[in-house]
Amino acid sequence: TGHTHTVAAVATLMLPDGPPVAVTGSEDATVQVWDLDSGTAIGEPLTGHTGWVFAVAALVLPDGRPVAVTGGWDDTVRVWDLNSSTTIDETLTRHTHGVAAVATLMLPDSRPVAVTGSWNDTAGVWDLNSGTAIGEPLTGHTGWVFAVATLVLPDGRPVAVTGGQDATVRVWDLNS
């Protein structure tokens, strides 16, 4: 079991009541969860994307559910409940081109968010509790957004850092 084409993305997570896992995304439009202790796939591949899965991030929600957030060539972001192997809420759509990067973060107020980067030159911020976009897209790049990272700074401010085809790195204050 596993993927049938190129693996384009990987994230890792400690399951609250289980083994450490890797979550992978592939050209075959699937997402696979792997038990890192045994090196084997957990269950069948997760399906729903209709093109390459380029981006994967993972975290544990405040209610204890482990989730993976994936982005793909099909212009969508999906949130997967890793306990049930199903998507949570509806597919998140905002980007008009493929989603190349995703990162997750628990905000200081315990609200989980995902930040995505896209070929439409923007980044998006998503509330993982409600499955909705937060604010307007983050604009400023003049080319594809290929990389996203997130962090809570020592002063408590949550930020996203994006890198793009335009050879720039931008820092976004997620409080504003």
Protein backbone atom coordinates (compact mmCIF):
# COMPACT_ATOMS: atom_id res chain seq x y z
CA THR A 1 0.00 0.00 0.00
CA GLY A 2 1.00 3.61 -0.30
CA HIS A 3 1.46 5.96 -3.23
CA THR A 4 1.70 5.10 -6.91
CA HIS A 5 3.51 8.29 -8.02
CA THR A 6 5.93 10.95 -6.79
CA VAL A 7 5.67 11.95 -3.12
CA ALA A 8 5.70 15.77 -3.04
CA ALA A 9 5.06 16.60 0.62
CA VAL A 10 5.51 15.19 4.10
CA ALA A 11 4.63 16.22 7.65
CA THR A 12 5.06 14.45 10.98
CA LEU A 13 2.92 14.32 14.11
CA MET A 14 2.79 12.55 17.45
CA LEU A 15 -0.71 11.08 17.75
CA PRO A 16 -2.21 11.75 21.19
CA ASP A 17 -3.00 8.07 21.79
CA GLY A 18 -0.92 6.36 19.17
CA PRO A 19 2.34 6.13 17.32
CA PRO A 20 4.31 8.91 15.70
CA VAL A 21 3.10 9.28 12.12
CA ALA A 22 4.13 10.81 8.83
CA VAL A 23 1.50 12.19 6.48
CA THR A 24 2.44 12.30 2.80
CA GLY A 25 0.95 13.91 -0.28
CA SER A 26 1.53 12.66 -3.81
CA GLU A 27 1.22 13.23 -7.53
CA ASP A 28 -1.36 10.43 -7.42
CA ALA A 29 -3.77 12.91 -5.72
CA THR A 30 -3.81 10.97 -2.45
CA VAL A 31 -2.75 11.50 1.14
CA GLN A 32 -1.28 8.60 3.13
CA VAL A 33 -0.68 8.23 6.86
CA TRP A 34 2.34 6.15 7.91
CA ASP A 35 3.13 4.55 11.30
CA LEU A 36 6.73 5.60 11.95
CA ASP A 37 7.28 2.83 14.52
CA SER A 38 6.43 0.03 12.09
CA GLY A 39 7.13 1.82 8.80
CA THR A 40 3.78 0.75 7.39
CA ALA A 41 0.81 2.60 5.95
CA ILE A 42 -2.15 3.16 8.26
CA GLY A 43 -5.34 2.38 6.38
CA GLU A 44 -6.06 3.19 2.77
CA PRO A 45 -4.89 6.39 1.07
CA LEU A 46 -7.12 9.41 1.73
CA THR A 47 -8.82 10.57 -1.44
CA GLY A 48 -10.54 13.80 -2.40
CA HIS A 49 -7.98 15.91 -4.21
CA THR A 50 -8.23 15.76 -7.99
CA GLY A 51 -4.59 16.58 -8.71
CA TRP A 52 -1.11 16.53 -7.17
CA VAL A 53 -0.99 17.05 -3.41
CA PHE A 54 1.91 19.49 -3.04
CA ALA A 55 1.61 20.53 0.60
CA VAL A 56 0.98 18.82 3.94
CA ALA A 57 1.00 20.06 7.55
CA ALA A 58 -0.35 18.47 10.71
CA LEU A 59 -1.34 19.34 14.26
CA VAL A 60 -3.55 18.27 17.14
CA LEU A 61 -6.69 20.38 17.61
CA PRO A 62 -7.64 21.65 21.09
CA ASP A 63 -10.26 18.87 21.34
CA GLY A 64 -7.50 16.27 20.90
CA ARG A 65 -8.21 15.32 17.29
CA PRO A 66 -5.13 14.96 15.10
CA VAL A 67 -5.56 16.57 11.69
CA ALA A 68 -3.61 16.97 8.49
CA VAL A 69 -4.05 19.97 6.22
CA THR A 70 -3.28 19.42 2.56
CA GLY A 71 -3.07 21.65 -0.49
CA GLY A 72 -3.06 20.63 -4.08
CA TRP A 73 -2.96 21.36 -7.76
CA ASP A 74 -6.80 21.34 -7.72
CA ASP A 75 -6.77 24.80 -6.02
CA THR A 76 -8.15 23.39 -2.75
CA VAL A 77 -7.15 23.00 0.87
CA ARG A 78 -8.50 19.98 2.72
CA VAL A 79 -8.51 19.22 6.45
CA TRP A 80 -8.39 15.52 7.33
CA ASP A 81 -9.39 14.00 10.68
CA LEU A 82 -6.66 11.40 11.13
CA ASN A 83 -8.76 9.39 13.61
CA SER A 84 -11.59 8.79 11.14
CA SER A 85 -9.66 9.23 7.85
CA THR A 86 -12.29 11.67 6.60
CA THR A 87 -12.34 15.32 5.69
CA ILE A 88 -13.55 17.86 8.22
CA ASP A 89 -16.12 20.38 7.01
CA GLU A 90 -16.14 21.40 3.39
CA THR A 91 -13.16 21.76 1.12
CA LEU A 92 -11.54 25.14 1.74
CA THR A 93 -11.48 27.16 -1.44
CA ARG A 94 -10.07 30.62 -1.86
CA HIS A 95 -7.11 30.14 -4.11
CA THR A 96 -7.61 30.35 -7.86
CA HIS A 97 -4.51 28.31 -8.65
CA GLY A 98 -2.74 25.36 -7.07
CA VAL A 99 -1.76 25.37 -3.40
CA ALA A 100 2.00 24.89 -3.08
CA ALA A 101 2.63 25.25 0.67
CA VAL A 102 0.88 24.94 4.01
CA ALA A 103 1.85 25.40 7.66
CA THR A 104 -0.21 25.10 10.83
CA LEU A 105 -0.08 26.97 14.11
CA MET A 106 -1.91 27.08 17.41
CA LEU A 107 -2.56 30.76 18.11
CA PRO A 108 -2.01 32.06 21.66
CA ASP A 109 -5.82 32.04 22.14
CA SER A 110 -5.79 28.25 21.39
CA ARG A 111 -7.34 28.71 17.94
CA PRO A 112 -5.73 26.43 15.35
CA VAL A 113 -4.98 27.98 11.97
CA ALA A 114 -3.44 26.97 8.67
CA VAL A 115 -1.58 29.32 6.35
CA THR A 116 -1.39 28.39 2.69
CA GLY A 117 0.67 29.64 -0.22
CA SER A 118 -0.51 29.48 -3.81
CA TRP A 119 0.36 29.89 -7.46
CA ASN A 120 -2.09 32.83 -7.45
CA ASP A 121 0.63 34.93 -5.72
CA THR A 122 -1.23 35.02 -2.39
CA ALA A 123 -1.27 33.34 0.99
CA GLY A 124 -4.45 32.46 2.86
CA VAL A 125 -5.18 32.07 6.56
CA TRP A 126 -7.76 29.49 7.64
CA ASP A 127 -9.51 28.93 10.99
CA LEU A 128 -9.36 25.16 11.47
CA ASN A 129 -12.16 25.19 14.08
CA SER A 130 -14.70 26.70 11.71
CA GLY A 131 -13.20 25.71 8.36
CA THR A 132 -13.39 29.28 7.12
CA ALA A 133 -10.98 31.83 5.74
CA ILE A 134 -9.75 34.51 8.13
CA GLY A 135 -9.66 37.96 6.58
CA GLU A 136 -8.62 38.74 3.04
CA PRO A 137 -5.83 36.91 1.21
CA LEU A 138 -2.31 38.06 2.10
CA THR A 139 -1.06 39.93 -0.95
CA GLY A 140 2.30 41.43 -1.77
CA HIS A 141 4.18 38.71 -3.59
CA THR A 142 4.47 39.26 -7.34
CA GLY A 143 4.96 35.57 -8.09
CA TRP A 144 3.92 32.17 -6.84
CA VAL A 145 4.10 31.58 -3.07
CA PHE A 146 6.12 28.37 -2.70
CA ALA A 147 6.97 28.32 1.01
CA VAL A 148 5.15 29.00 4.29
CA ALA A 149 6.26 28.69 7.91
CA THR A 150 4.56 29.80 11.13
CA LEU A 151 5.74 30.75 14.61
CA VAL A 152 4.62 32.45 17.80
CA LEU A 153 7.30 35.04 18.62
CA PRO A 154 8.61 35.44 22.19
CA ASP A 155 6.40 38.53 22.61
CA GLY A 156 3.32 36.38 21.87
CA ARG A 157 2.69 37.60 18.31
CA PRO A 158 1.85 34.84 15.83
CA VAL A 159 3.48 35.29 12.43
CA ALA A 160 3.58 33.57 9.07
CA VAL A 161 6.66 33.76 6.87
CA THR A 162 6.23 33.25 3.13
CA GLY A 163 8.72 32.85 0.33
CA GLY A 164 7.97 33.25 -3.32
CA GLN A 165 8.96 33.06 -6.93
CA ASP A 166 9.59 36.82 -6.76
CA ALA A 167 12.72 36.13 -4.64
CA THR A 168 11.22 37.77 -1.56
CA VAL A 169 10.47 36.63 1.96
CA ARG A 170 7.58 38.30 3.73
CA VAL A 171 6.56 38.26 7.40
CA TRP A 172 2.86 38.54 8.20
CA ASP A 173 1.44 39.42 11.63
CA LEU A 174 -1.45 36.99 12.09
CA ASN A 175 -3.05 39.23 14.73
CA SER A 176 -3.90 41.86 12.13
